[in-house]
């Protein structure tokens, strides 16, 4: 079964609220066997709108990534990011 990636591009507008989101989201992602591959490191924007924070997490499957996003724990974490950031998030299945 192919693994899947969460790919997020974020501009944080409220550091304190976003930090609470990140703390809670980390637990939710871990609960679904997600692992971070990139999290706010250096980047070079080549196309599209620049977001200062970029995050990539790998999950064991597309379904696990989907289930994590819609879990009660992640949705609660997400409530701290809303109004504290501008973000795009996609789930992408990896090539086997």
PDB file of N, CA and C in Angstrom:
ATOM      1  N   UNK A   1       0.859  -1.183   0.000  1.00  0.00           N
ATOM      2  CA  UNK A   1       0.000   0.000   0.000  1.00  0.00           C
ATOM      3  C   UNK A   1       0.899   1.238   0.000  1.00  0.00           C
ATOM      4  N   UNK A   2       0.656   2.179  -0.900  1.00  0.00           N
ATOM      5  CA  UNK A   2       1.476   3.388  -0.947  1.00  0.00           C
ATOM      6  C   UNK A   2       1.266   4.270   0.288  1.00  0.00           C
ATOM      7  N   UNK A   3       2.338   4.910   0.705  1.00  0.00           N
ATOM      8  CA  UNK A   3       2.241   5.893   1.779  1.00  0.00           C
ATOM      9  C   UNK A   3       1.676   7.191   1.208  1.00  0.00           C
ATOM     10  N   UNK A   4       1.374   8.131   2.096  1.00  0.00           N
ATOM     11  CA  UNK A   4       0.814   9.414   1.660  1.00  0.00           C
ATOM     12  C   UNK A   4       1.462  10.538   2.447  1.00  0.00           C
ATOM     13  N   UNK A   5       1.490  11.699   1.830  1.00  0.00           N
ATOM     14  CA  UNK A   5       2.086  12.880   2.444  1.00  0.00           C
ATOM     15  C   UNK A   5       1.044  13.942   2.701  1.00  0.00           C
ATOM     16  N   UNK A   6       1.141  14.592   3.847  1.00  0.00           N
ATOM     17  CA  UNK A   6       0.471  15.872   4.079  1.00  0.00           C
ATOM     18  C   UNK A   6       1.480  16.913   3.661  1.00  0.00           C
ATOM     19  N   UNK A   7       1.087  17.843   2.820  1.00  0.00           N
ATOM     20  CA  UNK A   7       1.956  18.943   2.413  1.00  0.00           C
ATOM     21  C   UNK A   7       1.228  20.229   2.760  1.00  0.00           C
ATOM     22  N   UNK A   8       1.806  20.989   3.674  1.00  0.00           N
ATOM     23  CA  UNK A   8       1.178  22.218   4.151  1.00  0.00           C
ATOM     24  C   UNK A   8       2.085  23.412   3.898  1.00  0.00           C
ATOM     25  N   UNK A   9       1.473  24.507   3.501  1.00  0.00           N
ATOM     26  CA  UNK A   9       2.157  25.789   3.315  1.00  0.00           C
ATOM     27  C   UNK A   9       1.412  26.789   4.195  1.00  0.00           C
ATOM     28  N   UNK A  10       2.138  27.451   5.092  1.00  0.00           N
ATOM     29  CA  UNK A  10       1.489  28.225   6.146  1.00  0.00           C
ATOM     30  C   UNK A  10       2.169  29.576   6.343  1.00  0.00           C
ATOM     31  N   UNK A  11       1.357  30.605   6.554  1.00  0.00           N
ATOM     32  CA  UNK A  11       1.820  31.882   7.074  1.00  0.00           C
ATOM     33  C   UNK A  11       1.178  32.039   8.445  1.00  0.00           C
ATOM     34  N   UNK A  12       1.999  32.111   9.471  1.00  0.00           N
ATOM     35  CA  UNK A  12       1.501  32.229  10.844  1.00  0.00           C
ATOM     36  C   UNK A  12       1.258  33.706  11.150  1.00  0.00           C
ATOM     37  N   UNK A  13       0.068  34.008  11.671  1.00  0.00           N
ATOM     38  CA  UNK A  13      -0.285  35.390  12.015  1.00  0.00           C
ATOM     39  C   UNK A  13      -0.432  35.592  13.524  1.00  0.00           C
ATOM     40  N   UNK A  14      -0.519  34.496  14.279  1.00  0.00           N
ATOM     41  CA  UNK A  14      -0.611  34.560  15.742  1.00  0.00           C
ATOM     42  C   UNK A  14       0.251  33.422  16.294  1.00  0.00           C
ATOM     43  N   UNK A  15       1.474  33.759  16.704  1.00  0.00           N
ATOM     44  CA  UNK A  15       2.449  32.740  17.122  1.00  0.00           C
ATOM     45  C   UNK A  15       1.974  31.891  18.298  1.00  0.00           C
ATOM     46  N   UNK A  16       1.355  32.511  19.301  1.00  0.00           N
ATOM     47  CA  UNK A  16       0.942  31.775  20.499  1.00  0.00           C
ATOM     48  C   UNK A  16      -0.139  30.744  20.170  1.00  0.00           C
ATOM     49  N   UNK A  17      -1.161  31.152  19.440  1.00  0.00           N
ATOM     50  CA  UNK A  17      -2.233  30.218  19.077  1.00  0.00           C
ATOM     51  C   UNK A  17      -1.712  29.128  18.157  1.00  0.00           C
ATOM     52  N   UNK A  18      -0.839  29.500  17.231  1.00  0.00           N
ATOM     53  CA  UNK A  18      -0.316  28.505  16.310  1.00  0.00           C
ATOM     54  C   UNK A  18       0.578  27.503  17.031  1.00  0.00           C
ATOM     55  N   UNK A  19       1.303  27.950  18.032  1.00  0.00           N
ATOM     56  CA  UNK A  19       2.133  27.038  18.825  1.00  0.00           C
ATOM     57  C   UNK A  19       1.253  26.001  19.533  1.00  0.00           C
ATOM     58  N   UNK A  20       0.105  26.429  20.018  1.00  0.00           N
ATOM     59  CA  UNK A  20      -0.836  25.491  20.660  1.00  0.00           C
ATOM     60  C   UNK A  20      -1.361  24.498  19.625  1.00  0.00           C
ATOM     61  N   UNK A  21      -1.677  24.991  18.428  1.00  0.00           N
ATOM     62  CA  UNK A  21      -2.090  24.091  17.340  1.00  0.00           C
ATOM     63  C   UNK A  21      -0.994  23.058  17.078  1.00  0.00           C
ATOM     64  N   UNK A  22       0.250  23.522  16.922  1.00  0.00           N
ATOM     65  CA  UNK A  22       1.358  22.621  16.574  1.00  0.00           C
ATOM     66  C   UNK A  22       1.551  21.551  17.643  1.00  0.00           C
ATOM     67  N   UNK A  23       1.451  21.935  18.898  1.00  0.00           N
ATOM     68  CA  UNK A  23       1.609  20.979  19.993  1.00  0.00           C
ATOM     69  C   UNK A  23       0.525  19.903  19.928  1.00  0.00           C
ATOM     70  N   UNK A  24      -0.718  20.317  19.746  1.00  0.00           N
ATOM     71  CA  UNK A  24      -1.823  19.365  19.712  1.00  0.00           C
ATOM     72  C   UNK A  24      -1.836  18.554  18.406  1.00  0.00           C
ATOM     73  N   UNK A  25      -1.507  19.194  17.295  1.00  0.00           N
ATOM     74  CA  UNK A  25      -1.486  18.496  16.006  1.00  0.00           C
ATOM     75  C   UNK A  25      -0.417  17.408  15.999  1.00  0.00           C
ATOM     76  N   UNK A  26       0.719  17.663  16.635  1.00  0.00           N
ATOM     77  CA  UNK A  26       1.792  16.672  16.701  1.00  0.00           C
ATOM     78  C   UNK A  26       1.296  15.379  17.342  1.00  0.00           C
ATOM     79  N   UNK A  27       0.528  15.499  18.403  1.00  0.00           N
ATOM     80  CA  UNK A  27      -0.019  14.319  19.085  1.00  0.00           C
ATOM     81  C   UNK A  27      -0.994  13.588  18.163  1.00  0.00           C
ATOM     82  N   UNK A  28      -1.885  14.324  17.525  1.00  0.00           N
ATOM     83  CA  UNK A  28      -2.872  13.707  16.624  1.00  0.00           C
ATOM     84  C   UNK A  28      -2.183  13.000  15.463  1.00  0.00           C
ATOM     85  N   UNK A  29      -1.193  13.644  14.885  1.00  0.00           N
ATOM     86  CA  UNK A  29      -0.464  13.054  13.754  1.00  0.00           C
ATOM     87  C   UNK A  29       0.252  11.783  14.199  1.00  0.00           C
ATOM     88  N   UNK A  30       0.871  11.819  15.366  1.00  0.00           N
ATOM     89  CA  UNK A  30       1.545  10.643  15.907  1.00  0.00           C
ATOM     90  C   UNK A  30       0.560   9.493  16.137  1.00  0.00           C
ATOM     91  N   UNK A  31      -0.645   9.810  16.581  1.00  0.00           N
ATOM     92  CA  UNK A  31      -1.666   8.786  16.826  1.00  0.00           C
ATOM     93  C   UNK A  31      -2.018   8.004  15.559  1.00  0.00           C
ATOM     94  N   UNK A  32      -1.828   8.633  14.391  1.00  0.00           N
ATOM     95  CA  UNK A  32      -2.126   7.979  13.115  1.00  0.00           C
ATOM     96  C   UNK A  32      -0.856   7.531  12.400  1.00  0.00           C
ATOM     97  N   UNK A  33       0.215   7.390  13.183  1.00  0.00           N
ATOM     98  CA  UNK A  33       1.513   6.907  12.680  1.00  0.00           C
ATOM     99  C   UNK A  33       2.134   7.839  11.648  1.00  0.00           C
ATOM    100  N   UNK A  34       1.804   9.134  11.749  1.00  0.00           N
ATOM    101  CA  UNK A  34       2.425  10.114  10.872  1.00  0.00           C
ATOM    102  C   UNK A  34       3.804  10.487  11.393  1.00  0.00           C
ATOM    103  N   UNK A  35       4.712  10.801  10.479  1.00  0.00           N
ATOM    104  CA  UNK A  35       6.052  11.234  10.865  1.00  0.00           C
ATOM    105  C   UNK A  35       6.417  12.477  10.050  1.00  0.00           C
ATOM    106  N   UNK A  36       7.031  13.434  10.707  1.00  0.00           N
ATOM    107  CA  UNK A  36       7.409  14.675  10.033  1.00  0.00           C
ATOM    108  C   UNK A  36       8.686  14.472   9.230  1.00  0.00           C
ATOM    109  N   UNK A  37       8.655  14.935   7.982  1.00  0.00           N
ATOM    110  CA  UNK A  37       9.830  14.916   7.112  1.00  0.00           C
ATOM    111  C   UNK A  37      10.427  16.303   6.990  1.00  0.00           C
ATOM    112  N   UNK A  38       9.586  17.315   7.073  1.00  0.00           N
ATOM    113  CA  UNK A  38      10.024  18.720   7.028  1.00  0.00           C
ATOM    114  C   UNK A  38       9.056  19.502   7.897  1.00  0.00           C
ATOM    115  N   UNK A  39       9.617  20.473   8.625  1.00  0.00           N
ATOM    116  CA  UNK A  39       8.746  21.230   9.521  1.00  0.00           C
ATOM    117  C   UNK A  39       9.365  22.596   9.793  1.00  0.00           C
ATOM    118  N   UNK A  40       9.048  23.552   8.902  1.00  0.00           N
ATOM    119  CA  UNK A  40       9.470  24.925   9.132  1.00  0.00           C
ATOM    120  C   UNK A  40      10.928  25.219   8.858  1.00  0.00           C
ATOM    121  N   UNK A  41      11.618  24.371   8.117  1.00  0.00           N
ATOM    122  CA  UNK A  41      13.025  24.603   7.814  1.00  0.00           C
ATOM    123  C   UNK A  41      13.228  25.588   6.675  1.00  0.00           C
ATOM    124  N   UNK A  42      14.469  25.714   6.261  1.00  0.00           N
ATOM    125  CA  UNK A  42      14.811  26.604   5.146  1.00  0.00           C
ATOM    126  C   UNK A  42      14.106  26.132   3.878  1.00  0.00           C
ATOM    127  N   UNK A  43      13.777  27.082   3.007  1.00  0.00           N
ATOM    128  CA  UNK A  43      13.117  26.741   1.755  1.00  0.00           C
ATOM    129  C   UNK A  43      13.437  27.801   0.705  1.00  0.00           C
ATOM    130  N   UNK A  44      13.178  27.456  -0.529  1.00  0.00           N
ATOM    131  CA  UNK A  44      13.303  28.386  -1.646  1.00  0.00           C
ATOM    132  C   UNK A  44      11.984  28.346  -2.413  1.00  0.00           C
ATOM    133  N   UNK A  45      11.286  29.465  -2.469  1.00  0.00           N
ATOM    134  CA  UNK A  45      10.011  29.535  -3.186  1.00  0.00           C
ATOM    135  C   UNK A  45      10.289  29.755  -4.664  1.00  0.00           C
ATOM    136  N   UNK A  46       9.841  28.838  -5.496  1.00  0.00           N
ATOM    137  CA  UNK A  46      10.091  28.934  -6.932  1.00  0.00           C
ATOM    138  C   UNK A  46       8.863  29.390  -7.703  1.00  0.00           C
ATOM    139  N   UNK A  47       7.679  28.991  -7.263  1.00  0.00           N
ATOM    140  CA  UNK A  47       6.440  29.372  -7.938  1.00  0.00           C
ATOM    141  C   UNK A  47       5.337  29.530  -6.899  1.00  0.00           C
ATOM    142  N   UNK A  48       4.336  30.313  -7.230  1.00  0.00           N
ATOM    143  CA  UNK A  48       3.168  30.461  -6.366  1.00  0.00           C
ATOM    144  C   UNK A  48       3.430  31.364  -5.178  1.00  0.00           C
ATOM    145  N   UNK A  49       2.391  31.527  -4.345  1.00  0.00           N
ATOM    146  CA  UNK A  49       2.516  32.425  -3.191  1.00  0.00           C
ATOM    147  C   UNK A  49       3.467  31.843  -2.150  1.00  0.00           C
ATOM    148  N   UNK A  50       4.283  32.686  -1.583  1.00  0.00           N
ATOM    149  CA  UNK A  50       5.226  32.248  -0.557  1.00  0.00           C
ATOM    150  C   UNK A  50       4.529  32.152   0.793  1.00  0.00           C
ATOM    151  N   UNK A  51       4.762  31.062   1.482  1.00  0.00           N
ATOM    152  CA  UNK A  51       4.324  30.863   2.861  1.00  0.00           C
ATOM    153  C   UNK A  51       5.592  30.589   3.663  1.00  0.00           C
ATOM    154  N   UNK A  52       5.733  31.229   4.796  1.00  0.00           N
ATOM    155  CA  UNK A  52       6.992  31.150   5.543  1.00  0.00           C
ATOM    156  C   UNK A  52       7.207  29.817   6.260  1.00  0.00           C
ATOM    157  N   UNK A  53       6.185  29.025   6.381  1.00  0.00           N
ATOM    158  CA  UNK A  53       6.311  27.735   7.072  1.00  0.00           C
ATOM    159  C   UNK A  53       5.798  26.635   6.147  1.00  0.00           C
ATOM    160  N   UNK A  54       6.616  25.622   5.951  1.00  0.00           N
ATOM    161  CA  UNK A  54       6.258  24.502   5.090  1.00  0.00           C
ATOM    162  C   UNK A  54       6.440  23.218   5.887  1.00  0.00           C
ATOM    163  N   UNK A  55       5.442  22.339   5.811  1.00  0.00           N
ATOM    164  CA  UNK A  55       5.446  21.113   6.602  1.00  0.00           C
ATOM    165  C   UNK A  55       5.098  19.934   5.706  1.00  0.00           C
ATOM    166  N   UNK A  56       5.862  18.855   5.851  1.00  0.00           N
ATOM    167  CA  UNK A  56       5.564  17.609   5.145  1.00  0.00           C
ATOM    168  C   UNK A  56       5.568  16.492   6.187  1.00  0.00           C
ATOM    169  N   UNK A  57       4.493  15.724   6.214  1.00  0.00           N
ATOM    170  CA  UNK A  57       4.397  14.568   7.108  1.00  0.00           C
ATOM    171  C   UNK A  57       3.998  13.354   6.288  1.00  0.00           C
ATOM    172  N   UNK A  58       4.608  12.218   6.596  1.00  0.00           N
ATOM    173  CA  UNK A  58       4.292  10.967   5.885  1.00  0.00           C
ATOM    174  C   UNK A  58       3.394  10.105   6.771  1.00  0.00           C
ATOM    175  N   UNK A  59       2.379   9.522   6.144  1.00  0.00           N
ATOM    176  CA  UNK A  59       1.460   8.595   6.806  1.00  0.00           C
ATOM    177  C   UNK A  59       1.556   7.238   6.117  1.00  0.00           C
ATOM    178  N   UNK A  60       1.168   6.177   6.808  1.00  0.00           N
ATOM    179  CA  UNK A  60       1.270   4.849   6.206  1.00  0.00           C
ATOM    180  C   UNK A  60       0.346   4.620   5.009  1.00  0.00           C
ATOM    181  N   UNK A  61      -0.683   5.452   4.860  1.00  0.00           N
ATOM    182  CA  UNK A  61      -1.604   5.303   3.725  1.00  0.00           C
ATOM    183  C   UNK A  61      -2.394   6.599   3.536  1.00  0.00           C
ATOM    184  N   UNK A  62      -3.014   6.720   2.379  1.00  0.00           N
ATOM    185  CA  UNK A  62      -3.892   7.852   2.109  1.00  0.00           C
ATOM    186  C   UNK A  62      -5.051   7.869   3.108  1.00  0.00           C
ATOM    187  N   UNK A  63      -5.568   6.697   3.423  1.00  0.00           N
ATOM    188  CA  UNK A  63      -6.683   6.611   4.375  1.00  0.00           C
ATOM    189  C   UNK A  63      -6.257   7.077   5.764  1.00  0.00           C
ATOM    190  N   UNK A  64      -5.070   6.707   6.203  1.00  0.00           N
ATOM    191  CA  UNK A  64      -4.585   7.149   7.520  1.00  0.00           C
ATOM    192  C   UNK A  64      -4.435   8.666   7.552  1.00  0.00           C
ATOM    193  N   UNK A  65      -3.923   9.257   6.472  1.00  0.00           N
ATOM    194  CA  UNK A  65      -3.775  10.717   6.399  1.00  0.00           C
ATOM    195  C   UNK A  65      -5.142  11.391   6.453  1.00  0.00           C
ATOM    196  N   UNK A  66      -6.086  10.846   5.714  1.00  0.00           N
ATOM    197  CA  UNK A  66      -7.457  11.358   5.696  1.00  0.00           C
ATOM    198  C   UNK A  66      -8.096  11.234   7.085  1.00  0.00           C
ATOM    199  N   UNK A  67      -7.982  10.055   7.672  1.00  0.00           N
ATOM    200  CA  UNK A  67      -8.589   9.817   8.976  1.00  0.00           C
ATOM    201  C   UNK A  67      -7.991  10.724  10.049  1.00  0.00           C
ATOM    202  N   UNK A  68      -6.705  10.970   9.974  1.00  0.00           N
ATOM    203  CA  UNK A  68      -6.065  11.873  10.929  1.00  0.00           C
ATOM    204  C   UNK A  68      -6.674  13.263  10.823  1.00  0.00           C
ATOM    205  N   UNK A  69      -6.776  13.768   9.604  1.00  0.00           N
ATOM    206  CA  UNK A  69      -7.303  15.125   9.409  1.00  0.00           C
ATOM    207  C   UNK A  69      -8.700  15.266  10.006  1.00  0.00           C
ATOM    208  N   UNK A  70      -9.532  14.272   9.800  1.00  0.00           N
ATOM    209  CA  UNK A  70     -10.921  14.345  10.257  1.00  0.00           C
ATOM    210  C   UNK A  70     -11.131  13.822  11.683  1.00  0.00           C
ATOM    211  N   UNK A  71     -10.051  13.424  12.350  1.00  0.00           N
ATOM    212  CA  UNK A  71     -10.180  12.926  13.726  1.00  0.00           C
ATOM    213  C   UNK A  71     -10.574  14.064  14.665  1.00  0.00           C
ATOM    214  N   UNK A  72     -11.217  13.704  15.756  1.00  0.00           N
ATOM    215  CA  UNK A  72     -11.600  14.703  16.763  1.00  0.00           C
ATOM    216  C   UNK A  72     -10.375  15.440  17.296  1.00  0.00           C
ATOM    217  N   UNK A  73      -9.288  14.699  17.538  1.00  0.00           N
ATOM    218  CA  UNK A  73      -8.080  15.323  18.100  1.00  0.00           C
ATOM    219  C   UNK A  73      -7.494  16.358  17.145  1.00  0.00           C
ATOM    220  N   UNK A  74      -7.411  16.021  15.841  1.00  0.00           N
ATOM    221  CA  UNK A  74      -6.837  16.980  14.899  1.00  0.00           C
ATOM    222  C   UNK A  74      -7.773  18.163  14.681  1.00  0.00           C
ATOM    223  N   UNK A  75      -9.050  17.907  14.599  1.00  0.00           N
ATOM    224  CA  UNK A  75      -9.995  19.008  14.402  1.00  0.00           C
ATOM    225  C   UNK A  75      -9.958  19.974  15.589  1.00  0.00           C
ATOM    226  N   UNK A  76      -9.772  19.444  16.791  1.00  0.00           N
ATOM    227  CA  UNK A  76      -9.622  20.319  17.957  1.00  0.00           C
ATOM    228  C   UNK A  76      -8.327  21.131  17.842  1.00  0.00           C
ATOM    229  N   UNK A  77      -7.241  20.478  17.446  1.00  0.00           N
ATOM    230  CA  UNK A  77      -5.972  21.190  17.239  1.00  0.00           C
ATOM    231  C   UNK A  77      -6.148  22.290  16.193  1.00  0.00           C
ATOM    232  N   UNK A  78      -6.837  21.949  15.120  1.00  0.00           N
ATOM    233  CA  UNK A  78      -7.041  22.890  14.016  1.00  0.00           C
ATOM    234  C   UNK A  78      -7.782  24.143  14.456  1.00  0.00           C
ATOM    235  N   UNK A  79      -8.611  24.038  15.471  1.00  0.00           N
ATOM    236  CA  UNK A  79      -9.335  25.219  15.951  1.00  0.00           C
ATOM    237  C   UNK A  79      -8.371  26.300  16.448  1.00  0.00           C
ATOM    238  N   UNK A  80      -7.165  25.929  16.852  1.00  0.00           N
ATOM    239  CA  UNK A  80      -6.167  26.904  17.289  1.00  0.00           C
ATOM    240  C   UNK A  80      -5.451  27.551  16.096  1.00  0.00           C
ATOM    241  N   UNK A  81      -5.433  26.867  14.955  1.00  0.00           N
ATOM    242  CA  UNK A  81      -4.774  27.413  13.765  1.00  0.00           C
ATOM    243  C   UNK A  81      -5.680  28.372  13.000  1.00  0.00           C
ATOM    244  N   UNK A  82      -6.982  28.140  13.068  1.00  0.00           N
ATOM    245  CA  UNK A  82      -7.922  29.008  12.355  1.00  0.00           C
ATOM    246  C   UNK A  82      -7.889  30.390  12.988  1.00  0.00           C
ATOM    247  N   UNK A  83      -7.711  31.404  12.192  1.00  0.00           N
ATOM    248  CA  UNK A  83      -7.585  32.759  12.694  1.00  0.00           C
ATOM    249  C   UNK A  83      -6.165  33.087  13.139  1.00  0.00           C
ATOM    250  N   UNK A  84      -5.294  32.073  13.204  1.00  0.00           N
ATOM    251  CA  UNK A  84      -3.908  32.279  13.607  1.00  0.00           C
ATOM    252  C   UNK A  84      -2.944  32.019  12.454  1.00  0.00           C
ATOM    253  N   UNK A  85      -3.521  31.700  11.280  1.00  0.00           N
ATOM    254  CA  UNK A  85      -2.670  31.372  10.140  1.00  0.00           C
ATOM    255  C   UNK A  85      -3.475  31.409   8.847  1.00  0.00           C
ATOM    256  N   UNK A  86      -2.731  31.507   7.758  1.00  0.00           N
ATOM    257  CA  UNK A  86      -3.280  31.305   6.419  1.00  0.00           C
ATOM    258  C   UNK A  86      -2.577  30.056   5.921  1.00  0.00           C
ATOM    259  N   UNK A  87      -3.340  29.073   5.423  1.00  0.00           N
ATOM    260  CA  UNK A  87      -2.716  27.797   5.106  1.00  0.00           C
ATOM    261  C   UNK A  87      -3.371  27.086   3.933  1.00  0.00           C
ATOM    262  N   UNK A  88      -2.584  26.272   3.313  1.00  0.00           N
ATOM    263  CA  UNK A  88      -3.065  25.315   2.332  1.00  0.00           C
ATOM    264  C   UNK A  88      -2.544  23.961   2.791  1.00  0.00           C
ATOM    265  N   UNK A  89      -3.366  22.933   2.673  1.00  0.00           N
ATOM    266  CA  UNK A  89      -2.958  21.584   3.057  1.00  0.00           C
ATOM    267  C   UNK A  89      -3.505  20.600   2.037  1.00  0.00           C
ATOM    268  N   UNK A  90      -2.628  19.749   1.537  1.00  0.00           N
ATOM    269  CA  UNK A  90      -3.025  18.705   0.586  1.00  0.00           C
ATOM    270  C   UNK A  90      -2.544  17.362   1.093  1.00  0.00           C
ATOM    271  N   UNK A  91      -3.252  16.322   0.716  1.00  0.00           N
ATOM    272  CA  UNK A  91      -2.797  14.951   0.934  1.00  0.00           C
ATOM    273  C   UNK A  91      -2.431  14.394  -0.441  1.00  0.00           C
ATOM    274  N   UNK A  92      -1.233  13.836  -0.553  1.00  0.00           N
ATOM    275  CA  UNK A  92      -0.746  13.319  -1.827  1.00  0.00           C
ATOM    276  C   UNK A  92      -0.239  11.896  -1.616  1.00  0.00           C
ATOM    277  N   UNK A  93      -0.748  10.976  -2.415  1.00  0.00           N
ATOM    278  CA  UNK A  93      -0.271   9.599  -2.335  1.00  0.00           C
ATOM    279  C   UNK A  93       1.112   9.503  -2.978  1.00  0.00           C
ATOM    280  N   UNK A  94       2.017   8.798  -2.304  1.00  0.00           N
ATOM    281  CA  UNK A  94       3.374   8.639  -2.848  1.00  0.00           C
ATOM    282  C   UNK A  94       3.402   7.522  -3.885  1.00  0.00           C
ATOM    283  N   UNK A  95       4.370   7.586  -4.729  1.00  0.00           N
ATOM    284  CA  UNK A  95       4.581   6.536  -5.725  1.00  0.00           C
ATOM    285  C   UNK A  95       5.156   5.334  -4.999  1.00  0.00           C
ATOM    286  N   UNK A  96       4.570   4.164  -5.233  1.00  0.00           N
ATOM    287  CA  UNK A  96       4.988   2.931  -4.560  1.00  0.00           C
ATOM    288  C   UNK A  96       6.405   2.612  -4.827  1.00  0.00           C
TER     289      UNK A  96
END
